[in-house]
Each structure stands twice: as C-alpha cells, then as structure tokens.
Amino acid sequence: AMSKSAVKISSDLLSNPLCEQEPSFLEMVTAFDTAMKRMDSFNQEKVDWLWLENGSAGSVLEFSSVFPSLNMAVKRREQTLQDYKRLQSKVEKYEEKERTGPVLAKLHQ
C-alpha cells in the first residue's frame, strides 16, 4: 500500500506545472517516479513470490527483509516532498513580488 501511495505521489508531482517550467525539477521528479514504480514492482514480485512459496502470506519474519527498503523509500519520498514544498513556496513568493528584472530571472531559473 505504501509503494502504491508513493507511485501516486510521484505521478501527481509529474503533472505539476512546475515540472514544465523547471527542467531540473522535472528530471528529479522523473527519476523519483521511475524509482517508485520500480520499488512497487519489486514489492509486488516479492509478495507474489512469498505467497506462492508458502501458500499464504507467510509470517512477519519473512517480510522483515522488505521493511528496511520500504522505510528508506518512505524517507526518500518525504525528503522529496519537503524539497518540492520548499521550491513551491519559493515560486509562490517570487510570483507575489513585483515583476522586476531580478525577480523574473529568479522565477525562471
């Protein structure tokens, strides 16, 4: 469920207008989206494999090897989300300012 949420967040970030304006942000979000899709695919394969091998979902101990990677992915997602919010607030701050040369330059960086 967490990896599905991460895929949804990365897809939402890709559809953000900031991606059209900032090539570097688009590149970062695209990499994040790819990583989240790979993680989701890996997690699904792992769950499917455990299900087939055991005939059931198995014990919590069998899933313990998956949790560290999920925790790291959640931390990376949170960091990317914080970076996105920070950049979005900067853009909003510059959009509110008077449209002078230096402000326009910063807005289109």
PDB file of N, CA and C in Angstrom:
ATOM      1  N   ALA A   1       0.820  -1.191   0.000  1.00  0.00           N
ATOM      2  CA  ALA A   1       0.000   0.000   0.000  1.00  0.00           C
ATOM      3  C   ALA A   1       0.864   1.255   0.000  1.00  0.00           C
ATOM      4  N   MET A   2       1.994   1.218   0.748  1.00  0.00           N
ATOM      5  CA  MET A   2       2.844   2.405   0.781  1.00  0.00           C
ATOM      6  C   MET A   2       3.490   2.667  -0.564  1.00  0.00           C
ATOM      7  N   SER A   3       3.896   1.603  -1.254  1.00  0.00           N
ATOM      8  CA  SER A   3       4.534   1.827  -2.545  1.00  0.00           C
ATOM      9  C   SER A   3       3.512   2.339  -3.566  1.00  0.00           C
ATOM     10  N   LYS A   4       2.261   1.902  -3.454  1.00  0.00           N
ATOM     11  CA  LYS A   4       1.213   2.434  -4.336  1.00  0.00           C
ATOM     12  C   LYS A   4       1.013   3.918  -4.075  1.00  0.00           C
ATOM     13  N   SER A   5       1.056   4.311  -2.801  1.00  0.00           N
ATOM     14  CA  SER A   5       0.919   5.725  -2.447  1.00  0.00           C
ATOM     15  C   SER A   5       2.093   6.536  -2.993  1.00  0.00           C
ATOM     16  N   ALA A   6       3.286   5.972  -2.898  1.00  0.00           N
ATOM     17  CA  ALA A   6       4.471   6.662  -3.413  1.00  0.00           C
ATOM     18  C   ALA A   6       4.376   6.834  -4.931  1.00  0.00           C
ATOM     19  N   VAL A   7       3.872   5.824  -5.633  1.00  0.00           N
ATOM     20  CA  VAL A   7       3.692   5.919  -7.086  1.00  0.00           C
ATOM     21  C   VAL A   7       2.676   7.010  -7.405  1.00  0.00           C
ATOM     22  N   LYS A   8       1.601   7.077  -6.628  1.00  0.00           N
ATOM     23  CA  LYS A   8       0.574   8.110  -6.842  1.00  0.00           C
ATOM     24  C   LYS A   8       1.155   9.503  -6.615  1.00  0.00           C
ATOM     25  N   ILE A   9       1.939   9.656  -5.548  1.00  0.00           N
ATOM     26  CA  ILE A   9       2.560  10.955  -5.263  1.00  0.00           C
ATOM     27  C   ILE A   9       3.510  11.351  -6.384  1.00  0.00           C
ATOM     28  N   SER A  10       4.318  10.414  -6.849  1.00  0.00           N
ATOM     29  CA  SER A  10       5.266  10.749  -7.920  1.00  0.00           C
ATOM     30  C   SER A  10       4.524  11.103  -9.211  1.00  0.00           C
ATOM     31  N   SER A  11       3.421  10.424  -9.480  1.00  0.00           N
ATOM     32  CA  SER A  11       2.628  10.757 -10.669  1.00  0.00           C
ATOM     33  C   SER A  11       2.012  12.142 -10.535  1.00  0.00           C
ATOM     34  N   ASP A  12       1.539  12.458  -9.334  1.00  0.00           N
ATOM     35  CA  ASP A  12       0.975  13.788  -9.094  1.00  0.00           C
ATOM     36  C   ASP A  12       2.032  14.871  -9.265  1.00  0.00           C
ATOM     37  N   LEU A  13       3.239  14.591  -8.779  1.00  0.00           N
ATOM     38  CA  LEU A  13       4.325  15.562  -8.946  1.00  0.00           C
ATOM     39  C   LEU A  13       4.642  15.789 -10.422  1.00  0.00           C
ATOM     40  N   LEU A  14       4.613  14.719 -11.209  1.00  0.00           N
ATOM     41  CA  LEU A  14       4.907  14.850 -12.644  1.00  0.00           C
ATOM     42  C   LEU A  14       3.879  15.720 -13.356  1.00  0.00           C
ATOM     43  N   SER A  15       2.648  15.707 -12.871  1.00  0.00           N
ATOM     44  CA  SER A  15       1.605  16.502 -13.525  1.00  0.00           C
ATOM     45  C   SER A  15       1.587  17.951 -13.034  1.00  0.00           C
ATOM     46  N   ASN A  16       2.464  18.288 -12.102  1.00  0.00           N
ATOM     47  CA  ASN A  16       2.520  19.650 -11.570  1.00  0.00           C
ATOM     48  C   ASN A  16       3.096  20.599 -12.621  1.00  0.00           C
ATOM     49  N   PRO A  17       2.529  21.794 -12.754  1.00  0.00           N
ATOM     50  CA  PRO A  17       3.030  22.771 -13.746  1.00  0.00           C
ATOM     51  C   PRO A  17       4.485  23.169 -13.535  1.00  0.00           C
ATOM     52  N   LEU A  18       4.980  23.032 -12.325  1.00  0.00           N
ATOM     53  CA  LEU A  18       6.376  23.382 -12.055  1.00  0.00           C
ATOM     54  C   LEU A  18       7.326  22.516 -12.879  1.00  0.00           C
ATOM     55  N   CYS A  19       6.911  21.284 -13.181  1.00  0.00           N
ATOM     56  CA  CYS A  19       7.747  20.387 -13.989  1.00  0.00           C
ATOM     57  C   CYS A  19       7.934  20.942 -15.405  1.00  0.00           C
ATOM     58  N   GLU A  20       6.926  21.627 -15.911  1.00  0.00           N
ATOM     59  CA  GLU A  20       7.041  22.208 -17.249  1.00  0.00           C
ATOM     60  C   GLU A  20       7.982  23.407 -17.245  1.00  0.00           C
ATOM     61  N   GLN A  21       8.041  24.110 -16.121  1.00  0.00           N
ATOM     62  CA  GLN A  21       8.843  25.327 -16.033  1.00  0.00           C
ATOM     63  C   GLN A  21      10.289  25.049 -15.631  1.00  0.00           C
ATOM     64  N   GLU A  22      10.509  24.003 -14.858  1.00  0.00           N
ATOM     65  CA  GLU A  22      11.836  23.697 -14.317  1.00  0.00           C
ATOM     66  C   GLU A  22      12.357  22.366 -14.856  1.00  0.00           C
ATOM     67  N   PRO A  23      13.224  22.381 -15.861  1.00  0.00           N
ATOM     68  CA  PRO A  23      13.756  21.113 -16.392  1.00  0.00           C
ATOM     69  C   PRO A  23      14.485  20.282 -15.332  1.00  0.00           C
ATOM     70  N   SER A  24      15.220  20.936 -14.436  1.00  0.00           N
ATOM     71  CA  SER A  24      15.943  20.184 -13.408  1.00  0.00           C
ATOM     72  C   SER A  24      14.974  19.521 -12.432  1.00  0.00           C
ATOM     73  N   PHE A  25      13.883  20.213 -12.106  1.00  0.00           N
ATOM     74  CA  PHE A  25      12.869  19.633 -11.223  1.00  0.00           C
ATOM     75  C   PHE A  25      12.178  18.469 -11.920  1.00  0.00           C
ATOM     76  N   LEU A  26      11.892  18.633 -13.210  1.00  0.00           N
ATOM     77  CA  LEU A  26      11.276  17.557 -13.987  1.00  0.00           C
ATOM     78  C   LEU A  26      12.177  16.328 -14.002  1.00  0.00           C
ATOM     79  N   GLU A  27      13.474  16.547 -14.179  1.00  0.00           N
ATOM     80  CA  GLU A  27      14.424  15.433 -14.199  1.00  0.00           C
ATOM     81  C   GLU A  27      14.431  14.706 -12.857  1.00  0.00           C
ATOM     82  N   MET A  28      14.440  15.484 -11.755  1.00  0.00           N
ATOM     83  CA  MET A  28      14.447  14.893 -10.419  1.00  0.00           C
ATOM     84  C   MET A  28      13.149  14.120 -10.161  1.00  0.00           C
ATOM     85  N   VAL A  29      12.010  14.695 -10.522  1.00  0.00           N
ATOM     86  CA  VAL A  29      10.720  14.044 -10.286  1.00  0.00           C
ATOM     87  C   VAL A  29      10.575  12.808 -11.173  1.00  0.00           C
ATOM     88  N   THR A  30      11.075  12.872 -12.399  1.00  0.00           N
ATOM     89  CA  THR A  30      11.025  11.710 -13.290  1.00  0.00           C
ATOM     90  C   THR A  30      11.848  10.561 -12.711  1.00  0.00           C
ATOM     91  N   ALA A  31      13.024  10.880 -12.183  1.00  0.00           N
ATOM     92  CA  ALA A  31      13.851   9.848 -11.548  1.00  0.00           C
ATOM     93  C   ALA A  31      13.141   9.267 -10.324  1.00  0.00           C
ATOM     94  N   PHE A  32      12.517  10.139  -9.551  1.00  0.00           N
ATOM     95  CA  PHE A  32      11.761   9.688  -8.377  1.00  0.00           C
ATOM     96  C   PHE A  32      10.603   8.795  -8.800  1.00  0.00           C
ATOM     97  N   ASP A  33       9.889   9.189  -9.859  1.00  0.00           N
ATOM     98  CA  ASP A  33       8.759   8.411 -10.353  1.00  0.00           C
ATOM     99  C   ASP A  33       9.219   7.028 -10.818  1.00  0.00           C
ATOM    100  N   THR A  34      10.311   6.986 -11.541  1.00  0.00           N
ATOM    101  CA  THR A  34      10.859   5.711 -12.011  1.00  0.00           C
ATOM    102  C   THR A  34      11.241   4.815 -10.838  1.00  0.00           C
ATOM    103  N   ALA A  35      11.890   5.409  -9.838  1.00  0.00           N
ATOM    104  CA  ALA A  35      12.298   4.637  -8.660  1.00  0.00           C
ATOM    105  C   ALA A  35      11.083   4.097  -7.910  1.00  0.00           C
ATOM    106  N   MET A  36      10.058   4.901  -7.770  1.00  0.00           N
ATOM    107  CA  MET A  36       8.856   4.459  -7.050  1.00  0.00           C
ATOM    108  C   MET A  36       8.143   3.332  -7.806  1.00  0.00           C
ATOM    109  N   LYS A  37       8.112   3.420  -9.137  1.00  0.00           N
ATOM    110  CA  LYS A  37       7.489   2.363  -9.928  1.00  0.00           C
ATOM    111  C   LYS A  37       8.293   1.075  -9.838  1.00  0.00           C
ATOM    112  N   ARG A  38       9.622   1.189  -9.839  1.00  0.00           N
ATOM    113  CA  ARG A  38      10.469   0.007  -9.695  1.00  0.00           C
ATOM    114  C   ARG A  38      10.296  -0.620  -8.322  1.00  0.00           C
ATOM    115  N   MET A  39      10.228   0.239  -7.296  1.00  0.00           N
ATOM    116  CA  MET A  39      10.042  -0.262  -5.943  1.00  0.00           C
ATOM    117  C   MET A  39       8.694  -0.982  -5.823  1.00  0.00           C
ATOM    118  N   ASP A  40       7.654  -0.401  -6.398  1.00  0.00           N
ATOM    119  CA  ASP A  40       6.327  -1.019  -6.344  1.00  0.00           C
ATOM    120  C   ASP A  40       6.347  -2.373  -7.050  1.00  0.00           C
ATOM    121  N   SER A  41       6.985  -2.424  -8.198  1.00  0.00           N
ATOM    122  CA  SER A  41       7.080  -3.672  -8.947  1.00  0.00           C
ATOM    123  C   SER A  41       7.856  -4.726  -8.155  1.00  0.00           C
ATOM    124  N   PHE A  42       8.977  -4.315  -7.566  1.00  0.00           N
ATOM    125  CA  PHE A  42       9.776  -5.227  -6.753  1.00  0.00           C
ATOM    126  C   PHE A  42       8.964  -5.760  -5.575  1.00  0.00           C
ATOM    127  N   ASN A  43       8.264  -4.863  -4.887  1.00  0.00           N
ATOM    128  CA  ASN A  43       7.475  -5.268  -3.726  1.00  0.00           C
ATOM    129  C   ASN A  43       6.376  -6.242  -4.131  1.00  0.00           C
ATOM    130  N   GLN A  44       5.739  -5.977  -5.262  1.00  0.00           N
ATOM    131  CA  GLN A  44       4.678  -6.873  -5.712  1.00  0.00           C
ATOM    132  C   GLN A  44       5.238  -8.248  -6.059  1.00  0.00           C
ATOM    133  N   GLU A  45       6.395  -8.280  -6.722  1.00  0.00           N
ATOM    134  CA  GLU A  45       7.031  -9.563  -7.039  1.00  0.00           C
ATOM    135  C   GLU A  45       7.400 -10.320  -5.773  1.00  0.00           C
ATOM    136  N   LYS A  46       7.917  -9.602  -4.780  1.00  0.00           N
ATOM    137  CA  LYS A  46       8.311 -10.223  -3.515  1.00  0.00           C
ATOM    138  C   LYS A  46       7.091 -10.821  -2.819  1.00  0.00           C
ATOM    139  N   VAL A  47       5.998 -10.078  -2.769  1.00  0.00           N
ATOM    140  CA  VAL A  47       4.770 -10.572  -2.133  1.00  0.00           C
ATOM    141  C   VAL A  47       4.229 -11.772  -2.902  1.00  0.00           C
ATOM    142  N   ASP A  48       4.211 -11.680  -4.223  1.00  0.00           N
ATOM    143  CA  ASP A  48       3.722 -12.794  -5.037  1.00  0.00           C
ATOM    144  C   ASP A  48       4.573 -14.049  -4.822  1.00  0.00           C
ATOM    145  N   TRP A  49       5.899 -13.870  -4.771  1.00  0.00           N
ATOM    146  CA  TRP A  49       6.796 -14.996  -4.588  1.00  0.00           C
ATOM    147  C   TRP A  49       6.573 -15.657  -3.230  1.00  0.00           C
ATOM    148  N   LEU A  50       6.452 -14.846  -2.171  1.00  0.00           N
ATOM    149  CA  LEU A  50       6.217 -15.397  -0.844  1.00  0.00           C
ATOM    150  C   LEU A  50       4.872 -16.106  -0.776  1.00  0.00           C
ATOM    151  N   TRP A  51       3.889 -15.543  -1.440  1.00  0.00           N
ATOM    152  CA  TRP A  51       2.560 -16.155  -1.439  1.00  0.00           C
ATOM    153  C   TRP A  51       2.600 -17.528  -2.109  1.00  0.00           C
ATOM    154  N   LEU A  52       3.254 -17.595  -3.259  1.00  0.00           N
ATOM    155  CA  LEU A  52       3.340 -18.869  -3.984  1.00  0.00           C
ATOM    156  C   LEU A  52       4.165 -19.908  -3.225  1.00  0.00           C
ATOM    157  N   GLU A  53       5.253 -19.469  -2.623  1.00  0.00           N
ATOM    158  CA  GLU A  53       6.138 -20.397  -1.923  1.00  0.00           C
ATOM    159  C   GLU A  53       5.468 -20.998  -0.689  1.00  0.00           C
ATOM    160  N   ASN A  54       4.722 -20.185   0.033  1.00  0.00           N
ATOM    161  CA  ASN A  54       4.148 -20.629   1.302  1.00  0.00           C
ATOM    162  C   ASN A  54       2.673 -21.005   1.204  1.00  0.00           C
ATOM    163  N   GLY A  55       2.029 -20.642   0.144  1.00  0.00           N
ATOM    164  CA  GLY A  55       0.603 -20.888   0.033  1.00  0.00           C
ATOM    165  C   GLY A  55      -0.210 -19.914   0.855  1.00  0.00           C
ATOM    166  N   SER A  56       0.462 -18.980   1.477  1.00  0.00           N
ATOM    167  CA  SER A  56      -0.212 -17.948   2.270  1.00  0.00           C
ATOM    168  C   SER A  56       0.700 -16.739   2.312  1.00  0.00           C
ATOM    169  N   ALA A  57       0.282 -15.755   3.043  1.00  0.00           N
ATOM    170  CA  ALA A  57       1.078 -14.533   3.139  1.00  0.00           C
ATOM    171  C   ALA A  57       2.361 -14.752   3.933  1.00  0.00           C
ATOM    172  N   GLY A  58       2.464 -15.839   4.674  1.00  0.00           N
ATOM    173  CA  GLY A  58       3.678 -16.121   5.426  1.00  0.00           C
ATOM    174  C   GLY A  58       3.734 -15.345   6.726  1.00  0.00           C
ATOM    175  N   SER A  59       4.805 -15.560   7.450  1.00  0.00           N
ATOM    176  CA  SER A  59       4.946 -14.885   8.740  1.00  0.00           C
ATOM    177  C   SER A  59       5.571 -13.510   8.566  1.00  0.00           C
ATOM    178  N   VAL A  60       5.500 -12.748   9.622  1.00  0.00           N
ATOM    179  CA  VAL A  60       6.087 -11.405   9.605  1.00  0.00           C
ATOM    180  C   VAL A  60       7.595 -11.487   9.419  1.00  0.00           C
ATOM    181  N   LEU A  61       8.211 -12.523   9.928  1.00  0.00           N
ATOM    182  CA  LEU A  61       9.659 -12.672   9.785  1.00  0.00           C
ATOM    183  C   LEU A  61      10.080 -12.766   8.324  1.00  0.00           C
ATOM    184  N   GLU A  62       9.252 -13.362   7.500  1.00  0.00           N
ATOM    185  CA  GLU A  62       9.591 -13.482   6.078  1.00  0.00           C
ATOM    186  C   GLU A  62       9.545 -12.126   5.377  1.00  0.00           C
ATOM    187  N   PHE A  63       8.745 -11.214   5.890  1.00  0.00           N
ATOM    188  CA  PHE A  63       8.632  -9.893   5.283  1.00  0.00           C
ATOM    189  C   PHE A  63       9.635  -8.903   5.868  1.00  0.00           C
ATOM    190  N   SER A  64      10.322  -9.288   6.924  1.00  0.00           N
ATOM    191  CA  SER A  64      11.213  -8.344   7.603  1.00  0.00           C
ATOM    192  C   SER A  64      12.313  -7.830   6.679  1.00  0.00           C
ATOM    193  N   SER A  65      12.714  -8.613   5.701  1.00  0.00           N
ATOM    194  CA  SER A  65      13.750  -8.148   4.780  1.00  0.00           C
ATOM    195  C   SER A  65      13.240  -7.059   3.843  1.00  0.00           C
ATOM    196  N   VAL A  66      11.921  -6.957   3.683  1.00  0.00           N
ATOM    197  CA  VAL A  66      11.348  -5.939   2.799  1.00  0.00           C
ATOM    198  C   VAL A  66      11.218  -4.605   3.520  1.00  0.00           C
ATOM    199  N   PHE A  67      10.952  -4.631   4.812  1.00  0.00           N
ATOM    200  CA  PHE A  67      10.673  -3.400   5.544  1.00  0.00           C
ATOM    201  C   PHE A  67      11.800  -2.366   5.532  1.00  0.00           C
ATOM    202  N   PRO A  68      13.067  -2.749   5.670  1.00  0.00           N
ATOM    203  CA  PRO A  68      14.109  -1.714   5.614  1.00  0.00           C
ATOM    204  C   PRO A  68      14.079  -0.928   4.300  1.00  0.00           C
ATOM    205  N   SER A  69      13.878  -1.603   3.192  1.00  0.00           N
ATOM    206  CA  SER A  69      13.846  -0.881   1.919  1.00  0.00           C
ATOM    207  C   SER A  69      12.600   0.002   1.832  1.00  0.00           C
ATOM    208  N   LEU A  70      11.505  -0.463   2.406  1.00  0.00           N
ATOM    209  CA  LEU A  70      10.298   0.371   2.417  1.00  0.00           C
ATOM    210  C   LEU A  70      10.501   1.604   3.283  1.00  0.00           C
ATOM    211  N   ASN A  71      11.121   1.416   4.435  1.00  0.00           N
ATOM    212  CA  ASN A  71      11.376   2.557   5.307  1.00  0.00           C
ATOM    213  C   ASN A  71      12.275   3.582   4.630  1.00  0.00           C
ATOM    214  N   MET A  72      13.296   3.116   3.927  1.00  0.00           N
ATOM    215  CA  MET A  72      14.188   4.032   3.207  1.00  0.00           C
ATOM    216  C   MET A  72      13.431   4.742   2.095  1.00  0.00           C
ATOM    217  N   ALA A  73      12.565   4.029   1.411  1.00  0.00           N
ATOM    218  CA  ALA A  73      11.787   4.645   0.333  1.00  0.00           C
ATOM    219  C   ALA A  73      10.856   5.704   0.883  1.00  0.00           C
ATOM    220  N   VAL A  74      10.252   5.441   2.014  1.00  0.00           N
ATOM    221  CA  VAL A  74       9.360   6.430   2.631  1.00  0.00           C
ATOM    222  C   VAL A  74      10.157   7.664   3.032  1.00  0.00           C
ATOM    223  N   LYS A  75      11.341   7.461   3.590  1.00  0.00           N
ATOM    224  CA  LYS A  75      12.187   8.603   3.972  1.00  0.00           C
ATOM    225  C   LYS A  75      12.585   9.421   2.747  1.00  0.00           C
ATOM    226  N   ARG A  76      12.947   8.733   1.644  1.00  0.00           N
ATOM    227  CA  ARG A  76      13.307   9.456   0.411  1.00  0.00           C
ATOM    228  C   ARG A  76      12.104  10.218  -0.137  1.00  0.00           C
ATOM    229  N   ARG A  77      10.931   9.595  -0.058  1.00  0.00           N
ATOM    230  CA  ARG A  77       9.711  10.249  -0.534  1.00  0.00           C
ATOM    231  C   ARG A  77       9.426  11.495   0.297  1.00  0.00           C
ATOM    232  N   GLU A  78       9.557  11.383   1.612  1.00  0.00           N
ATOM    233  CA  GLU A  78       9.325  12.529   2.488  1.00  0.00           C
ATOM    234  C   GLU A  78      10.315  13.649   2.185  1.00  0.00           C
ATOM    235  N   GLN A  79      11.578  13.292   1.948  1.00  0.00           N
ATOM    236  CA  GLN A  79      12.589  14.301   1.628  1.00  0.00           C
ATOM    237  C   GLN A  79      12.253  14.995   0.312  1.00  0.00           C
ATOM    238  N   THR A  80      11.854  14.227  -0.690  1.00  0.00           N
ATOM    239  CA  THR A  80      11.487  14.808  -1.980  1.00  0.00           C
ATOM    240  C   THR A  80      10.265  15.697  -1.837  1.00  0.00           C
ATOM    241  N   LEU A  81       9.314  15.270  -1.029  1.00  0.00           N
ATOM    242  CA  LEU A  81       8.113  16.077  -0.799  1.00  0.00           C
ATOM    243  C   LEU A  81       8.467  17.385  -0.096  1.00  0.00           C
ATOM    244  N   GLN A  82       9.375  17.327   0.880  1.00  0.00           N
ATOM    245  CA  GLN A  82       9.820  18.546   1.548  1.00  0.00           C
ATOM    246  C   GLN A  82      10.529  19.468   0.567  1.00  0.00           C
ATOM    247  N   ASP A  83      11.382  18.914  -0.296  1.00  0.00           N
ATOM    248  CA  ASP A  83      12.074  19.713  -1.320  1.00  0.00           C
ATOM    249  C   ASP A  83      11.053  20.364  -2.252  1.00  0.00           C
ATOM    250  N   TYR A  84      10.053  19.605  -2.651  1.00  0.00           N
ATOM    251  CA  TYR A  84       9.019  20.135  -3.542  1.00  0.00           C
ATOM    252  C   TYR A  84       8.282  21.287  -2.867  1.00  0.00           C
ATOM    253  N   LYS A  85       7.892  21.117  -1.608  1.00  0.00           N
ATOM    254  CA  LYS A  85       7.166  22.177  -0.898  1.00  0.00           C
ATOM    255  C   LYS A  85       8.031  23.423  -0.742  1.00  0.00           C
ATOM    256  N   ARG A  86       9.324  23.218  -0.463  1.00  0.00           N
ATOM    257  CA  ARG A  86      10.239  24.345  -0.331  1.00  0.00           C
ATOM    258  C   ARG A  86      10.344  25.108  -1.657  1.00  0.00           C
ATOM    259  N   LEU A  87      10.509  24.373  -2.760  1.00  0.00           N
ATOM    260  CA  LEU A  87      10.602  25.018  -4.070  1.00  0.00           C
ATOM    261  C   LEU A  87       9.292  25.696  -4.448  1.00  0.00           C
ATOM    262  N   GLN A  88       8.170  25.058  -4.127  1.00  0.00           N
ATOM    263  CA  GLN A  88       6.867  25.636  -4.444  1.00  0.00           C
ATOM    264  C   GLN A  88       6.660  26.947  -3.678  1.00  0.00           C
ATOM    265  N   SER A  89       7.082  26.983  -2.407  1.00  0.00           N
ATOM    266  CA  SER A  89       6.921  28.213  -1.633  1.00  0.00           C
ATOM    267  C   SER A  89       7.804  29.325  -2.195  1.00  0.00           C
ATOM    268  N   LYS A  90       8.997  28.974  -2.680  1.00  0.00           N
ATOM    269  CA  LYS A  90       9.866  29.970  -3.313  1.00  0.00           C
ATOM    270  C   LYS A  90       9.195  30.542  -4.557  1.00  0.00           C
ATOM    271  N   VAL A  91       8.635  29.667  -5.373  1.00  0.00           N
ATOM    272  CA  VAL A  91       7.965  30.112  -6.597  1.00  0.00           C
ATOM    273  C   VAL A  91       6.808  31.033  -6.238  1.00  0.00           C
ATOM    274  N   GLU A  92       6.007  30.654  -5.259  1.00  0.00           N
ATOM    275  CA  GLU A  92       4.867  31.489  -4.857  1.00  0.00           C
ATOM    276  C   GLU A  92       5.337  32.831  -4.326  1.00  0.00           C
ATOM    277  N   LYS A  93       6.443  32.832  -3.570  1.00  0.00           N
ATOM    278  CA  LYS A  93       6.984  34.077  -3.035  1.00  0.00           C
ATOM    279  C   LYS A  93       7.390  35.013  -4.169  1.00  0.00           C
ATOM    280  N   TYR A  94       8.068  34.478  -5.179  1.00  0.00           N
ATOM    281  CA  TYR A  94       8.502  35.308  -6.290  1.00  0.00           C
ATOM    282  C   TYR A  94       7.338  35.740  -7.175  1.00  0.00           C
ATOM    283  N   GLU A  95       6.315  34.909  -7.272  1.00  0.00           N
ATOM    284  CA  GLU A  95       5.145  35.291  -8.072  1.00  0.00           C
ATOM    285  C   GLU A  95       4.377  36.436  -7.418  1.00  0.00           C
ATOM    286  N   GLU A  96       4.427  36.513  -6.091  1.00  0.00           N
ATOM    287  CA  GLU A  96       3.728  37.577  -5.373  1.00  0.00           C
ATOM    288  C   GLU A  96       4.476  38.905  -5.457  1.00  0.00           C
ATOM    289  N   LYS A  97       5.770  38.862  -5.662  1.00  0.00           N
ATOM    290  CA  LYS A  97       6.573  40.091  -5.720  1.00  0.00           C
ATOM    291  C   LYS A  97       6.306  40.840  -7.023  1.00  0.00           C
ATOM    292  N   GLU A  98       6.715  42.101  -6.997  1.00  0.00           N
ATOM    293  CA  GLU A  98       6.598  42.931  -8.192  1.00  0.00           C
ATOM    294  C   GLU A  98       7.463  42.339  -9.300  1.00  0.00           C
ATOM    295  N   ARG A  99       6.979  42.391 -10.520  1.00  0.00           N
ATOM    296  CA  ARG A  99       7.679  41.757 -11.640  1.00  0.00           C
ATOM    297  C   ARG A  99       8.784  42.669 -12.172  1.00  0.00           C
ATOM    298  N   THR A 100       9.940  42.582 -11.525  1.00  0.00           N
ATOM    299  CA  THR A 100      11.101  43.332 -11.971  1.00  0.00           C
ATOM    300  C   THR A 100      12.100  42.349 -12.569  1.00  0.00           C
ATOM    301  N   GLY A 101      13.148  42.862 -13.147  1.00  0.00           N
ATOM    302  CA  GLY A 101      14.142  42.018 -13.800  1.00  0.00           C
ATOM    303  C   GLY A 101      14.715  40.911 -12.935  1.00  0.00           C
ATOM    304  N   PRO A 102      15.252  41.254 -11.749  1.00  0.00           N
ATOM    305  CA  PRO A 102      15.836  40.208 -10.898  1.00  0.00           C
ATOM    306  C   PRO A 102      14.818  39.172 -10.430  1.00  0.00           C
ATOM    307  N   VAL A 103      13.606  39.606 -10.139  1.00  0.00           N
ATOM    308  CA  VAL A 103      12.566  38.680  -9.687  1.00  0.00           C
ATOM    309  C   VAL A 103      12.205  37.733 -10.818  1.00  0.00           C
ATOM    310  N   LEU A 104      12.036  38.264 -12.038  1.00  0.00           N
ATOM    311  CA  LEU A 104      11.713  37.415 -13.178  1.00  0.00           C
ATOM    312  C   LEU A 104      12.835  36.423 -13.452  1.00  0.00           C
ATOM    313  N   ALA A 105      14.070  36.865 -13.281  1.00  0.00           N
ATOM    314  CA  ALA A 105      15.213  35.967 -13.501  1.00  0.00           C
ATOM    315  C   ALA A 105      15.171  34.814 -12.502  1.00  0.00           C
ATOM    316  N   LYS A 106      14.921  35.124 -11.236  1.00  0.00           N
ATOM    317  CA  LYS A 106      14.844  34.069 -10.222  1.00  0.00           C
ATOM    318  C   LYS A 106      13.666  33.136 -10.472  1.00  0.00           C
ATOM    319  N   LEU A 107      12.565  33.686 -10.934  1.00  0.00           N
ATOM    320  CA  LEU A 107      11.350  32.900 -11.155  1.00  0.00           C
ATOM    321  C   LEU A 107      11.549  31.902 -12.278  1.00  0.00           C
ATOM    322  N   HIS A 108      12.372  32.254 -13.260  1.00  0.00           N
ATOM    323  CA  HIS A 108      12.552  31.362 -14.431  1.00  0.00           C
ATOM    324  C   HIS A 108      13.858  30.582 -14.379  1.00  0.00           C
ATOM    325  N   GLN A 109      14.476  30.482 -13.213  1.00  0.00           N
ATOM    326  CA  GLN A 109      15.714  29.695 -13.081  1.00  0.00           C
ATOM    327  C   GLN A 109      15.424  28.244 -13.162  1.00  0.00           C
TER     328      GLN A 109
END
